[in-house]
Amino acid sequence: MRDIKVVVIDDSAFMRKMIFDILQSDEQIEVVATARNGLEGLKKIEKFSPNVVTLDVEMPKMDGIMTLTEIMSRHPLPVVMLASTSNEGTTDKTIQAMDRGAVDFIRKPSWANFFGY
């Protein structure tokens, strides 16, 4: 039985699919929706009432930090932040995210790491 409902928010279709597949492989987790940006993500959270959100830091329209702030003010719930390893300023954004209520911060694998190079 899938007890944990998750919304995945990431502007990369590849990352949304990868995160979806990883999470869905666990029998207790159901990805109930995915979103391409923070604005779309907020609508999906409202519609699907997830238990957890995964949230990309860098996105168009509304970045992860702004989206996190909105999530915590509207629907406080556990949010796991994801960021590329190559982005400068990731440490600052990690601190901002944790200060605003994120429960954890995960670095996305680089392409070289992903393919085992």
C-alpha atoms as a PDB file:
ATOM      1  CA  MET A   1       0.000   0.000   0.000  1.00  0.00           C
ATOM      2  CA  ARG A   2       1.317   3.422  -0.948  1.00  0.00           C
ATOM      3  CA  ASP A   3       0.975   5.652   2.116  1.00  0.00           C
ATOM      4  CA  ILE A   4       3.258   8.567   1.206  1.00  0.00           C
ATOM      5  CA  LYS A   5       2.031  10.971  -1.480  1.00  0.00           C
ATOM      6  CA  VAL A   6       4.698  13.087  -3.187  1.00  0.00           C
ATOM      7  CA  VAL A   7       4.668  16.031  -5.600  1.00  0.00           C
ATOM      8  CA  VAL A   8       7.864  16.427  -7.661  1.00  0.00           C
ATOM      9  CA  ILE A   9       8.682  19.982  -8.814  1.00  0.00           C
ATOM     10  CA  ASP A  10      11.566  20.382 -11.275  1.00  0.00           C
ATOM     11  CA  ASP A  11      11.959  22.289 -14.543  1.00  0.00           C
ATOM     12  CA  SER A  12      13.948  19.439 -16.151  1.00  0.00           C
ATOM     13  CA  ALA A  13      11.764  16.752 -17.730  1.00  0.00           C
ATOM     14  CA  PHE A  14      14.642  14.289 -17.352  1.00  0.00           C
ATOM     15  CA  MET A  15      14.995  14.987 -13.615  1.00  0.00           C
ATOM     16  CA  ARG A  16      11.224  14.799 -13.065  1.00  0.00           C
ATOM     17  CA  LYS A  17      11.197  11.378 -14.728  1.00  0.00           C
ATOM     18  CA  MET A  18      14.276  10.170 -12.825  1.00  0.00           C
ATOM     19  CA  ILE A  19      12.905  11.329  -9.451  1.00  0.00           C
ATOM     20  CA  PHE A  20       9.480   9.889 -10.301  1.00  0.00           C
ATOM     21  CA  ASP A  21      10.981   6.491 -11.157  1.00  0.00           C
ATOM     22  CA  ILE A  22      13.165   6.379  -8.041  1.00  0.00           C
ATOM     23  CA  LEU A  23      10.306   7.307  -5.721  1.00  0.00           C
ATOM     24  CA  GLN A  24       7.739   5.032  -7.393  1.00  0.00           C
ATOM     25  CA  SER A  25      10.094   2.069  -6.947  1.00  0.00           C
ATOM     26  CA  ASP A  26       9.330   2.205  -3.217  1.00  0.00           C
ATOM     27  CA  GLU A  27       6.085   0.387  -2.391  1.00  0.00           C
ATOM     28  CA  GLN A  28       5.129   3.004   0.219  1.00  0.00           C
ATOM     29  CA  ILE A  29       5.545   6.050  -2.046  1.00  0.00           C
ATOM     30  CA  GLU A  30       3.179   7.340  -4.716  1.00  0.00           C
ATOM     31  CA  VAL A  31       4.108  10.318  -6.877  1.00  0.00           C
ATOM     32  CA  VAL A  32       0.706  11.948  -7.255  1.00  0.00           C
ATOM     33  CA  ALA A  33       1.854  14.799  -9.504  1.00  0.00           C
ATOM     34  CA  THR A  34       4.804  16.516 -11.141  1.00  0.00           C
ATOM     35  CA  ALA A  35       5.273  20.178 -12.012  1.00  0.00           C
ATOM     36  CA  ARG A  36       7.661  22.183 -14.236  1.00  0.00           C
ATOM     37  CA  ASN A  37       7.926  25.272 -12.040  1.00  0.00           C
ATOM     38  CA  GLY A  38       6.945  26.705  -8.697  1.00  0.00           C
ATOM     39  CA  LEU A  39       3.665  28.238  -9.837  1.00  0.00           C
ATOM     40  CA  GLU A  40       2.488  24.959 -11.312  1.00  0.00           C
ATOM     41  CA  GLY A  41       3.801  23.143  -8.242  1.00  0.00           C
ATOM     42  CA  LEU A  42       1.744  25.246  -5.853  1.00  0.00           C
ATOM     43  CA  LYS A  43      -1.402  24.374  -7.824  1.00  0.00           C
ATOM     44  CA  LYS A  44      -0.546  20.660  -7.710  1.00  0.00           C
ATOM     45  CA  ILE A  45       0.064  20.827  -3.957  1.00  0.00           C
ATOM     46  CA  GLU A  46      -3.333  22.476  -3.500  1.00  0.00           C
ATOM     47  CA  LYS A  47      -5.039  19.851  -5.668  1.00  0.00           C
ATOM     48  CA  PHE A  48      -3.312  16.676  -4.434  1.00  0.00           C
ATOM     49  CA  SER A  49      -2.453  17.444  -0.753  1.00  0.00           C
ATOM     50  CA  PRO A  50       0.842  15.513  -0.723  1.00  0.00           C
ATOM     51  CA  ASN A  51       2.730  14.387   2.374  1.00  0.00           C
ATOM     52  CA  VAL A  52       6.092  15.452   0.910  1.00  0.00           C
ATOM     53  CA  VAL A  53       7.409  17.677  -1.899  1.00  0.00           C
ATOM     54  CA  THR A  54      10.693  17.456  -3.783  1.00  0.00           C
ATOM     55  CA  LEU A  55      11.653  20.899  -5.048  1.00  0.00           C
ATOM     56  CA  ASP A  56      14.348  22.064  -7.460  1.00  0.00           C
ATOM     57  CA  VAL A  57      16.208  25.203  -6.415  1.00  0.00           C
ATOM     58  CA  GLU A  58      16.705  26.739  -9.878  1.00  0.00           C
ATOM     59  CA  MET A  59      13.530  27.086 -11.954  1.00  0.00           C
ATOM     60  CA  PRO A  60      11.891  29.647 -14.236  1.00  0.00           C
ATOM     61  CA  LYS A  61       8.863  31.751 -13.210  1.00  0.00           C
ATOM     62  CA  MET A  62       9.253  31.036  -9.479  1.00  0.00           C
ATOM     63  CA  ASP A  63      12.490  29.594  -8.115  1.00  0.00           C
ATOM     64  CA  GLY A  64      12.691  26.958  -5.402  1.00  0.00           C
ATOM     65  CA  ILE A  65      13.347  29.364  -2.526  1.00  0.00           C
ATOM     66  CA  MET A  66      10.303  31.496  -3.404  1.00  0.00           C
ATOM     67  CA  THR A  67       8.210  28.365  -3.899  1.00  0.00           C
ATOM     68  CA  LEU A  68       9.365  26.942  -0.566  1.00  0.00           C
ATOM     69  CA  THR A  69       8.383  30.178   1.156  1.00  0.00           C
ATOM     70  CA  GLU A  70       4.897  29.965  -0.378  1.00  0.00           C
ATOM     71  CA  ILE A  71       4.519  26.280   0.514  1.00  0.00           C
ATOM     72  CA  MET A  72       5.408  26.961   4.139  1.00  0.00           C
ATOM     73  CA  SER A  73       2.986  29.879   4.389  1.00  0.00           C
ATOM     74  CA  ARG A  74       0.080  28.097   2.662  1.00  0.00           C
ATOM     75  CA  HIS A  75       0.535  24.370   3.319  1.00  0.00           C
ATOM     76  CA  PRO A  76       3.443  23.625   5.663  1.00  0.00           C
ATOM     77  CA  LEU A  77       4.784  20.179   4.871  1.00  0.00           C
ATOM     78  CA  PRO A  78       8.138  18.409   4.498  1.00  0.00           C
ATOM     79  CA  VAL A  79      10.077  19.702   1.487  1.00  0.00           C
ATOM     80  CA  VAL A  80      13.289  18.137   0.184  1.00  0.00           C
ATOM     81  CA  MET A  81      15.292  20.597  -1.925  1.00  0.00           C
ATOM     82  CA  LEU A  82      17.352  19.458  -4.935  1.00  0.00           C
ATOM     83  CA  ALA A  83      20.117  21.426  -6.653  1.00  0.00           C
ATOM     84  CA  SER A  84      22.678  20.915  -9.386  1.00  0.00           C
ATOM     85  CA  THR A  85      26.223  20.360  -8.195  1.00  0.00           C
ATOM     86  CA  SER A  86      27.565  22.858 -10.715  1.00  0.00           C
ATOM     87  CA  ASN A  87      25.581  25.917  -9.609  1.00  0.00           C
ATOM     88  CA  GLU A  88      27.524  28.580  -7.737  1.00  0.00           C
ATOM     89  CA  GLY A  89      25.749  29.862  -4.672  1.00  0.00           C
ATOM     90  CA  THR A  90      24.356  26.440  -3.780  1.00  0.00           C
ATOM     91  CA  THR A  91      25.657  26.757  -0.211  1.00  0.00           C
ATOM     92  CA  ASP A  92      23.840  30.071   0.276  1.00  0.00           C
ATOM     93  CA  LYS A  93      20.642  28.619  -1.153  1.00  0.00           C
ATOM     94  CA  THR A  94      20.995  25.556   1.065  1.00  0.00           C
ATOM     95  CA  ILE A  95      21.126  27.785   4.137  1.00  0.00           C
ATOM     96  CA  GLN A  96      18.186  29.857   2.884  1.00  0.00           C
ATOM     97  CA  ALA A  97      16.132  26.720   2.222  1.00  0.00           C
ATOM     98  CA  MET A  98      16.855  25.208   5.620  1.00  0.00           C
ATOM     99  CA  ASP A  99      16.057  28.530   7.307  1.00  0.00           C
ATOM    100  CA  ARG A 100      12.723  28.631   5.477  1.00  0.00           C
ATOM    101  CA  GLY A 101      11.699  25.134   6.521  1.00  0.00           C
ATOM    102  CA  ALA A 102      13.181  22.579   4.118  1.00  0.00           C
ATOM    103  CA  VAL A 103      13.828  19.248   5.835  1.00  0.00           C
ATOM    104  CA  ASP A 104      16.791  18.246   3.672  1.00  0.00           C
ATOM    105  CA  PHE A 105      18.920  19.273   0.704  1.00  0.00           C
ATOM    106  CA  ILE A 106      20.163  16.857  -1.963  1.00  0.00           C
ATOM    107  CA  ARG A 107      22.608  17.586  -4.767  1.00  0.00           C
ATOM    108  CA  LYS A 108      21.546  16.269  -8.143  1.00  0.00           C
ATOM    109  CA  PRO A 109      24.072  13.937  -9.751  1.00  0.00           C
ATOM    110  CA  SER A 110      26.180  15.423 -12.512  1.00  0.00           C
ATOM    111  CA  TRP A 111      25.925  13.792 -15.931  1.00  0.00           C
ATOM    112  CA  ALA A 112      29.403  12.282 -15.508  1.00  0.00           C
ATOM    113  CA  ASN A 113      28.492  10.803 -12.131  1.00  0.00           C
ATOM    114  CA  PHE A 114      25.137   9.618 -13.404  1.00  0.00           C
ATOM    115  CA  PHE A 115      26.718   7.632 -16.222  1.00  0.00           C
ATOM    116  CA  GLY A 116      29.584   6.349 -14.063  1.00  0.00           C
ATOM    117  CA  TYR A 117      32.448   8.390 -15.564  1.00  0.00           C
END
